[in-house]
Amino acid sequence: MVNLIITIVVGAIIGWVAGIIMKDQGSLLRNIIIGVLAGALSGWLLAPRGLILGLACEIAVACLLIYLCKKIFK
């Protein structure tokens, strides 16, 4: 249960940072979903080593997901 809460909080922060980088005005729920998906995708595809590199990869993947969402749903 604690891991789920930590995942949601970190996902929300990553989605928020990616939203700022991409200058996106998305909702908090969308940022949480994108952040959690970005964390899962970066961990699965990239398998980064270390905290800083892992967070950087998650933010990069979240920016990519925001970009794709803008293109698909526009």
PDB file of N, CA and C in Angstrom:
ATOM      1  N   MET A   1       0.822  -1.203   0.000  1.00  0.00           N
ATOM      2  CA  MET A   1       0.000   0.000   0.000  1.00  0.00           C
ATOM      3  C   MET A   1       0.861   1.260   0.000  1.00  0.00           C
ATOM      4  N   VAL A   2       1.955   1.224   0.766  1.00  0.00           N
ATOM      5  CA  VAL A   2       2.839   2.378   0.822  1.00  0.00           C
ATOM      6  C   VAL A   2       3.520   2.583  -0.526  1.00  0.00           C
ATOM      7  N   ASN A   3       3.900   1.488  -1.198  1.00  0.00           N
ATOM      8  CA  ASN A   3       4.525   1.605  -2.516  1.00  0.00           C
ATOM      9  C   ASN A   3       3.581   2.246  -3.529  1.00  0.00           C
ATOM     10  N   LEU A   4       2.306   1.921  -3.456  1.00  0.00           N
ATOM     11  CA  LEU A   4       1.327   2.514  -4.361  1.00  0.00           C
ATOM     12  C   LEU A   4       1.219   4.020  -4.129  1.00  0.00           C
ATOM     13  N   ILE A   5       1.191   4.432  -2.882  1.00  0.00           N
ATOM     14  CA  ILE A   5       1.108   5.861  -2.561  1.00  0.00           C
ATOM     15  C   ILE A   5       2.361   6.590  -3.038  1.00  0.00           C
ATOM     16  N   ILE A   6       3.521   5.993  -2.821  1.00  0.00           N
ATOM     17  CA  ILE A   6       4.775   6.605  -3.271  1.00  0.00           C
ATOM     18  C   ILE A   6       4.797   6.703  -4.793  1.00  0.00           C
ATOM     19  N   THR A   7       4.341   5.663  -5.476  1.00  0.00           N
ATOM     20  CA  THR A   7       4.290   5.673  -6.940  1.00  0.00           C
ATOM     21  C   THR A   7       3.385   6.782  -7.448  1.00  0.00           C
ATOM     22  N   ILE A   8       2.238   6.961  -6.824  1.00  0.00           N
ATOM     23  CA  ILE A   8       1.308   8.013  -7.243  1.00  0.00           C
ATOM     24  C   ILE A   8       1.896   9.394  -6.997  1.00  0.00           C
ATOM     25  N   VAL A   9       2.523   9.598  -5.847  1.00  0.00           N
ATOM     26  CA  VAL A   9       3.103  10.900  -5.528  1.00  0.00           C
ATOM     27  C   VAL A   9       4.263  11.224  -6.468  1.00  0.00           C
ATOM     28  N   VAL A  10       5.159  10.267  -6.672  1.00  0.00           N
ATOM     29  CA  VAL A  10       6.291  10.500  -7.581  1.00  0.00           C
ATOM     30  C   VAL A  10       5.788  10.695  -9.010  1.00  0.00           C
ATOM     31  N   GLY A  11       4.783   9.910  -9.413  1.00  0.00           N
ATOM     32  CA  GLY A  11       4.201  10.075 -10.740  1.00  0.00           C
ATOM     33  C   GLY A  11       3.584  11.449 -10.924  1.00  0.00           C
ATOM     34  N   ALA A  12       2.919  11.940  -9.894  1.00  0.00           N
ATOM     35  CA  ALA A  12       2.321  13.275  -9.970  1.00  0.00           C
ATOM     36  C   ALA A  12       3.394  14.347 -10.110  1.00  0.00           C
ATOM     37  N   ILE A  13       4.472  14.198  -9.364  1.00  0.00           N
ATOM     38  CA  ILE A  13       5.561  15.178  -9.445  1.00  0.00           C
ATOM     39  C   ILE A  13       6.220  15.134 -10.813  1.00  0.00           C
ATOM     40  N   ILE A  14       6.462  13.938 -11.327  1.00  0.00           N
ATOM     41  CA  ILE A  14       7.078  13.806 -12.645  1.00  0.00           C
ATOM     42  C   ILE A  14       6.155  14.361 -13.725  1.00  0.00           C
ATOM     43  N   GLY A  15       4.862  14.056 -13.643  1.00  0.00           N
ATOM     44  CA  GLY A  15       3.907  14.604 -14.603  1.00  0.00           C
ATOM     45  C   GLY A  15       3.825  16.120 -14.529  1.00  0.00           C
ATOM     46  N   TRP A  16       3.897  16.654 -13.319  1.00  0.00           N
ATOM     47  CA  TRP A  16       3.859  18.110 -13.122  1.00  0.00           C
ATOM     48  C   TRP A  16       5.085  18.767 -13.741  1.00  0.00           C
ATOM     49  N   VAL A  17       6.277  18.204 -13.478  1.00  0.00           N
ATOM     50  CA  VAL A  17       7.516  18.763 -14.035  1.00  0.00           C
ATOM     51  C   VAL A  17       7.499  18.674 -15.564  1.00  0.00           C
ATOM     52  N   ALA A  18       7.057  17.537 -16.085  1.00  0.00           N
ATOM     53  CA  ALA A  18       6.978  17.395 -17.543  1.00  0.00           C
ATOM     54  C   ALA A  18       5.972  18.383 -18.127  1.00  0.00           C
ATOM     55  N   GLY A  19       4.867  18.641 -17.427  1.00  0.00           N
ATOM     56  CA  GLY A  19       3.892  19.624 -17.875  1.00  0.00           C
ATOM     57  C   GLY A  19       4.472  21.018 -17.929  1.00  0.00           C
ATOM     58  N   ILE A  20       5.326  21.351 -16.954  1.00  0.00           N
ATOM     59  CA  ILE A  20       5.992  22.654 -16.951  1.00  0.00           C
ATOM     60  C   ILE A  20       6.972  22.747 -18.120  1.00  0.00           C
ATOM     61  N   ILE A  21       7.739  21.686 -18.332  1.00  0.00           N
ATOM     62  CA  ILE A  21       8.710  21.682 -19.424  1.00  0.00           C
ATOM     63  C   ILE A  21       8.010  21.817 -20.773  1.00  0.00           C
ATOM     64  N   MET A  22       6.903  21.107 -20.943  1.00  0.00           N
ATOM     65  CA  MET A  22       6.170  21.118 -22.214  1.00  0.00           C
ATOM     66  C   MET A  22       5.169  22.270 -22.310  1.00  0.00           C
ATOM     67  N   LYS A  23       5.090  23.110 -21.270  1.00  0.00           N
ATOM     68  CA  LYS A  23       4.146  24.231 -21.219  1.00  0.00           C
ATOM     69  C   LYS A  23       2.720  23.747 -21.475  1.00  0.00           C
ATOM     70  N   ASP A  24       2.333  22.707 -20.730  1.00  0.00           N
ATOM     71  CA  ASP A  24       1.035  22.074 -20.886  1.00  0.00           C
ATOM     72  C   ASP A  24       0.170  22.414 -19.676  1.00  0.00           C
ATOM     73  N   GLN A  25      -1.103  22.666 -19.902  1.00  0.00           N
ATOM     74  CA  GLN A  25      -2.035  23.014 -18.836  1.00  0.00           C
ATOM     75  C   GLN A  25      -2.973  21.840 -18.523  1.00  0.00           C
ATOM     76  N   GLY A  26      -2.425  20.642 -18.431  1.00  0.00           N
ATOM     77  CA  GLY A  26      -3.229  19.451 -18.171  1.00  0.00           C
ATOM     78  C   GLY A  26      -3.697  19.380 -16.731  1.00  0.00           C
ATOM     79  N   SER A  27      -4.655  18.515 -16.492  1.00  0.00           N
ATOM     80  CA  SER A  27      -5.193  18.362 -15.142  1.00  0.00           C
ATOM     81  C   SER A  27      -4.247  17.542 -14.274  1.00  0.00           C
ATOM     82  N   LEU A  28      -4.456  17.579 -12.977  1.00  0.00           N
ATOM     83  CA  LEU A  28      -3.626  16.826 -12.047  1.00  0.00           C
ATOM     84  C   LEU A  28      -3.782  15.329 -12.279  1.00  0.00           C
ATOM     85  N   LEU A  29      -4.989  14.879 -12.544  1.00  0.00           N
ATOM     86  CA  LEU A  29      -5.218  13.455 -12.783  1.00  0.00           C
ATOM     87  C   LEU A  29      -4.463  12.986 -14.026  1.00  0.00           C
ATOM     88  N   ARG A  30      -4.502  13.775 -15.079  1.00  0.00           N
ATOM     89  CA  ARG A  30      -3.760  13.410 -16.290  1.00  0.00           C
ATOM     90  C   ARG A  30      -2.261  13.398 -16.029  1.00  0.00           C
ATOM     91  N   ASN A  31      -1.771  14.368 -15.243  1.00  0.00           N
ATOM     92  CA  ASN A  31      -0.349  14.400 -14.906  1.00  0.00           C
ATOM     93  C   ASN A  31       0.051  13.175 -14.099  1.00  0.00           C
ATOM     94  N   ILE A  32      -0.806  12.738 -13.180  1.00  0.00           N
ATOM     95  CA  ILE A  32      -0.514  11.539 -12.397  1.00  0.00           C
ATOM     96  C   ILE A  32      -0.453  10.321 -13.309  1.00  0.00           C
ATOM     97  N   ILE A  33      -1.424  10.197 -14.197  1.00  0.00           N
ATOM     98  CA  ILE A  33      -1.458   9.045 -15.107  1.00  0.00           C
ATOM     99  C   ILE A  33      -0.231   9.049 -16.015  1.00  0.00           C
ATOM    100  N   ILE A  34       0.098  10.191 -16.583  1.00  0.00           N
ATOM    101  CA  ILE A  34       1.265  10.277 -17.462  1.00  0.00           C
ATOM    102  C   ILE A  34       2.548  10.016 -16.684  1.00  0.00           C
ATOM    103  N   GLY A  35       2.652  10.532 -15.475  1.00  0.00           N
ATOM    104  CA  GLY A  35       3.842  10.307 -14.661  1.00  0.00           C
ATOM    105  C   GLY A  35       4.032   8.848 -14.288  1.00  0.00           C
ATOM    106  N   VAL A  36       2.946   8.176 -13.903  1.00  0.00           N
ATOM    107  CA  VAL A  36       3.035   6.757 -13.545  1.00  0.00           C
ATOM    108  C   VAL A  36       3.369   5.928 -14.784  1.00  0.00           C
ATOM    109  N   LEU A  37       2.734   6.222 -15.916  1.00  0.00           N
ATOM    110  CA  LEU A  37       3.058   5.516 -17.160  1.00  0.00           C
ATOM    111  C   LEU A  37       4.505   5.756 -17.578  1.00  0.00           C
ATOM    112  N   ALA A  38       4.973   6.979 -17.421  1.00  0.00           N
ATOM    113  CA  ALA A  38       6.353   7.294 -17.778  1.00  0.00           C
ATOM    114  C   ALA A  38       7.336   6.533 -16.887  1.00  0.00           C
ATOM    115  N   GLY A  39       7.017   6.434 -15.601  1.00  0.00           N
ATOM    116  CA  GLY A  39       7.878   5.671 -14.704  1.00  0.00           C
ATOM    117  C   GLY A  39       7.935   4.204 -15.082  1.00  0.00           C
ATOM    118  N   ALA A  40       6.780   3.646 -15.415  1.00  0.00           N
ATOM    119  CA  ALA A  40       6.739   2.231 -15.805  1.00  0.00           C
ATOM    120  C   ALA A  40       7.471   2.005 -17.125  1.00  0.00           C
ATOM    121  N   LEU A  41       7.224   2.886 -18.100  1.00  0.00           N
ATOM    122  CA  LEU A  41       7.870   2.722 -19.407  1.00  0.00           C
ATOM    123  C   LEU A  41       9.380   2.918 -19.339  1.00  0.00           C
ATOM    124  N   SER A  42       9.825   3.922 -18.618  1.00  0.00           N
ATOM    125  CA  SER A  42      11.268   4.162 -18.546  1.00  0.00           C
ATOM    126  C   SER A  42      11.963   3.049 -17.775  1.00  0.00           C
ATOM    127  N   GLY A  43      11.318   2.528 -16.747  1.00  0.00           N
ATOM    128  CA  GLY A  43      11.909   1.414 -16.014  1.00  0.00           C
ATOM    129  C   GLY A  43      11.954   0.142 -16.832  1.00  0.00           C
ATOM    130  N   TRP A  44      10.943  -0.060 -17.665  1.00  0.00           N
ATOM    131  CA  TRP A  44      10.860  -1.270 -18.470  1.00  0.00           C
ATOM    132  C   TRP A  44      11.749  -1.178 -19.716  1.00  0.00           C
ATOM    133  N   LEU A  45      11.704  -0.053 -20.419  1.00  0.00           N
ATOM    134  CA  LEU A  45      12.440   0.078 -21.669  1.00  0.00           C
ATOM    135  C   LEU A  45      13.896   0.481 -21.473  1.00  0.00           C
ATOM    136  N   LEU A  46      14.139   1.427 -20.587  1.00  0.00           N
ATOM    137  CA  LEU A  46      15.475   1.996 -20.464  1.00  0.00           C
ATOM    138  C   LEU A  46      16.303   1.386 -19.339  1.00  0.00           C
ATOM    139  N   ALA A  47      15.664   0.918 -18.284  1.00  0.00           N
ATOM    140  CA  ALA A  47      16.320   0.346 -17.103  1.00  0.00           C
ATOM    141  C   ALA A  47      17.488   1.215 -16.624  1.00  0.00           C
ATOM    142  N   PRO A  48      17.193   2.481 -16.250  1.00  0.00           N
ATOM    143  CA  PRO A  48      18.268   3.384 -15.843  1.00  0.00           C
ATOM    144  C   PRO A  48      18.868   2.975 -14.498  1.00  0.00           C
ATOM    145  N   ARG A  49      20.119   3.306 -14.311  1.00  0.00           N
ATOM    146  CA  ARG A  49      20.824   3.018 -13.061  1.00  0.00           C
ATOM    147  C   ARG A  49      20.935   4.311 -12.254  1.00  0.00           C
ATOM    148  N   GLY A  50      20.517   4.277 -11.015  1.00  0.00           N
ATOM    149  CA  GLY A  50      20.655   5.431 -10.151  1.00  0.00           C
ATOM    150  C   GLY A  50      19.408   6.299 -10.112  1.00  0.00           C
ATOM    151  N   LEU A  51      19.307   7.077  -9.048  1.00  0.00           N
ATOM    152  CA  LEU A  51      18.128   7.906  -8.821  1.00  0.00           C
ATOM    153  C   LEU A  51      18.027   9.057  -9.811  1.00  0.00           C
ATOM    154  N   ILE A  52      19.111   9.798  -9.992  1.00  0.00           N
ATOM    155  CA  ILE A  52      19.079  10.987 -10.848  1.00  0.00           C
ATOM    156  C   ILE A  52      18.821  10.597 -12.304  1.00  0.00           C
ATOM    157  N   LEU A  53      19.524   9.590 -12.796  1.00  0.00           N
ATOM    158  CA  LEU A  53      19.318   9.147 -14.168  1.00  0.00           C
ATOM    159  C   LEU A  53      17.919   8.583 -14.347  1.00  0.00           C
ATOM    160  N   GLY A  54      17.418   7.868 -13.354  1.00  0.00           N
ATOM    161  CA  GLY A  54      16.062   7.324 -13.424  1.00  0.00           C
ATOM    162  C   GLY A  54      15.020   8.422 -13.501  1.00  0.00           C
ATOM    163  N   LEU A  55      15.147   9.446 -12.664  1.00  0.00           N
ATOM    164  CA  LEU A  55      14.204  10.562 -12.700  1.00  0.00           C
ATOM    165  C   LEU A  55      14.285  11.323 -14.018  1.00  0.00           C
ATOM    166  N   ALA A  56      15.497  11.512 -14.531  1.00  0.00           N
ATOM    167  CA  ALA A  56      15.664  12.203 -15.808  1.00  0.00           C
ATOM    168  C   ALA A  56      15.004  11.415 -16.940  1.00  0.00           C
ATOM    169  N   CYS A  57      15.164  10.105 -16.924  1.00  0.00           N
ATOM    170  CA  CYS A  57      14.533   9.266 -17.948  1.00  0.00           C
ATOM    171  C   CYS A  57      13.011   9.311 -17.826  1.00  0.00           C
ATOM    172  N   GLU A  58      12.499   9.281 -16.603  1.00  0.00           N
ATOM    173  CA  GLU A  58      11.055   9.340 -16.394  1.00  0.00           C
ATOM    174  C   GLU A  58      10.485  10.666 -16.870  1.00  0.00           C
ATOM    175  N   ILE A  59      11.176  11.755 -16.609  1.00  0.00           N
ATOM    176  CA  ILE A  59      10.710  13.068 -17.060  1.00  0.00           C
ATOM    177  C   ILE A  59      10.748  13.149 -18.584  1.00  0.00           C
ATOM    178  N   ALA A  60      11.808  12.601 -19.196  1.00  0.00           N
ATOM    179  CA  ALA A  60      11.902  12.611 -20.660  1.00  0.00           C
ATOM    180  C   ALA A  60      10.764  11.798 -21.280  1.00  0.00           C
ATOM    181  N   VAL A  61      10.475  10.635 -20.721  1.00  0.00           N
ATOM    182  CA  VAL A  61       9.383   9.810 -21.244  1.00  0.00           C
ATOM    183  C   VAL A  61       8.045  10.500 -21.010  1.00  0.00           C
ATOM    184  N   ALA A  62       7.874  11.169 -19.864  1.00  0.00           N
ATOM    185  CA  ALA A  62       6.640  11.897 -19.599  1.00  0.00           C
ATOM    186  C   ALA A  62       6.459  13.039 -20.598  1.00  0.00           C
ATOM    187  N   CYS A  63       7.539  13.736 -20.947  1.00  0.00           N
ATOM    188  CA  CYS A  63       7.457  14.792 -21.962  1.00  0.00           C
ATOM    189  C   CYS A  63       7.046  14.207 -23.306  1.00  0.00           C
ATOM    190  N   LEU A  64       7.594  13.054 -23.641  1.00  0.00           N
ATOM    191  CA  LEU A  64       7.219  12.391 -24.885  1.00  0.00           C
ATOM    192  C   LEU A  64       5.742  11.991 -24.868  1.00  0.00           C
ATOM    193  N   LEU A  65       5.260  11.483 -23.748  1.00  0.00           N
ATOM    194  CA  LEU A  65       3.850  11.100 -23.642  1.00  0.00           C
ATOM    195  C   LEU A  65       2.934  12.316 -23.736  1.00  0.00           C
ATOM    196  N   ILE A  66       3.319  13.426 -23.125  1.00  0.00           N
ATOM    197  CA  ILE A  66       2.520  14.651 -23.236  1.00  0.00           C
ATOM    198  C   ILE A  66       2.466  15.110 -24.687  1.00  0.00           C
ATOM    199  N   TYR A  67       3.604  15.066 -25.364  1.00  0.00           N
ATOM    200  CA  TYR A  67       3.645  15.448 -26.770  1.00  0.00           C
ATOM    201  C   TYR A  67       2.727  14.561 -27.607  1.00  0.00           C
ATOM    202  N   LEU A  68       2.797  13.251 -27.382  1.00  0.00           N
ATOM    203  CA  LEU A  68       1.947  12.328 -28.132  1.00  0.00           C
ATOM    204  C   LEU A  68       0.467  12.549 -27.823  1.00  0.00           C
ATOM    205  N   CYS A  69       0.138  12.810 -26.563  1.00  0.00           N
ATOM    206  CA  CYS A  69      -1.257  13.081 -26.200  1.00  0.00           C
ATOM    207  C   CYS A  69      -1.763  14.354 -26.884  1.00  0.00           C
ATOM    208  N   LYS A  70      -0.913  15.371 -26.953  1.00  0.00           N
ATOM    209  CA  LYS A  70      -1.310  16.601 -27.637  1.00  0.00           C
ATOM    210  C   LYS A  70      -1.590  16.346 -29.107  1.00  0.00           C
ATOM    211  N   LYS A  71      -0.750  15.546 -29.748  1.00  0.00           N
ATOM    212  CA  LYS A  71      -0.929  15.265 -31.172  1.00  0.00           C
ATOM    213  C   LYS A  71      -2.118  14.373 -31.442  1.00  0.00           C
ATOM    214  N   ILE A  72      -2.362  13.387 -30.585  1.00  0.00           N
ATOM    215  CA  ILE A  72      -3.442  12.441 -30.803  1.00  0.00           C
ATOM    216  C   ILE A  72      -4.799  13.074 -30.512  1.00  0.00           C
ATOM    217  N   PHE A  73      -4.914  13.814 -29.409  1.00  0.00           N
ATOM    218  CA  PHE A  73      -6.203  14.330 -28.960  1.00  0.00           C
ATOM    219  C   PHE A  73      -6.465  15.760 -29.384  1.00  0.00           C
ATOM    220  N   LYS A  74      -5.739  16.275 -30.324  1.00  0.00           N
ATOM    221  CA  LYS A  74      -5.948  17.641 -30.786  1.00  0.00           C
ATOM    222  C   LYS A  74      -6.798  17.699 -31.993  1.00  0.00           C
TER     223      LYS A  74
END
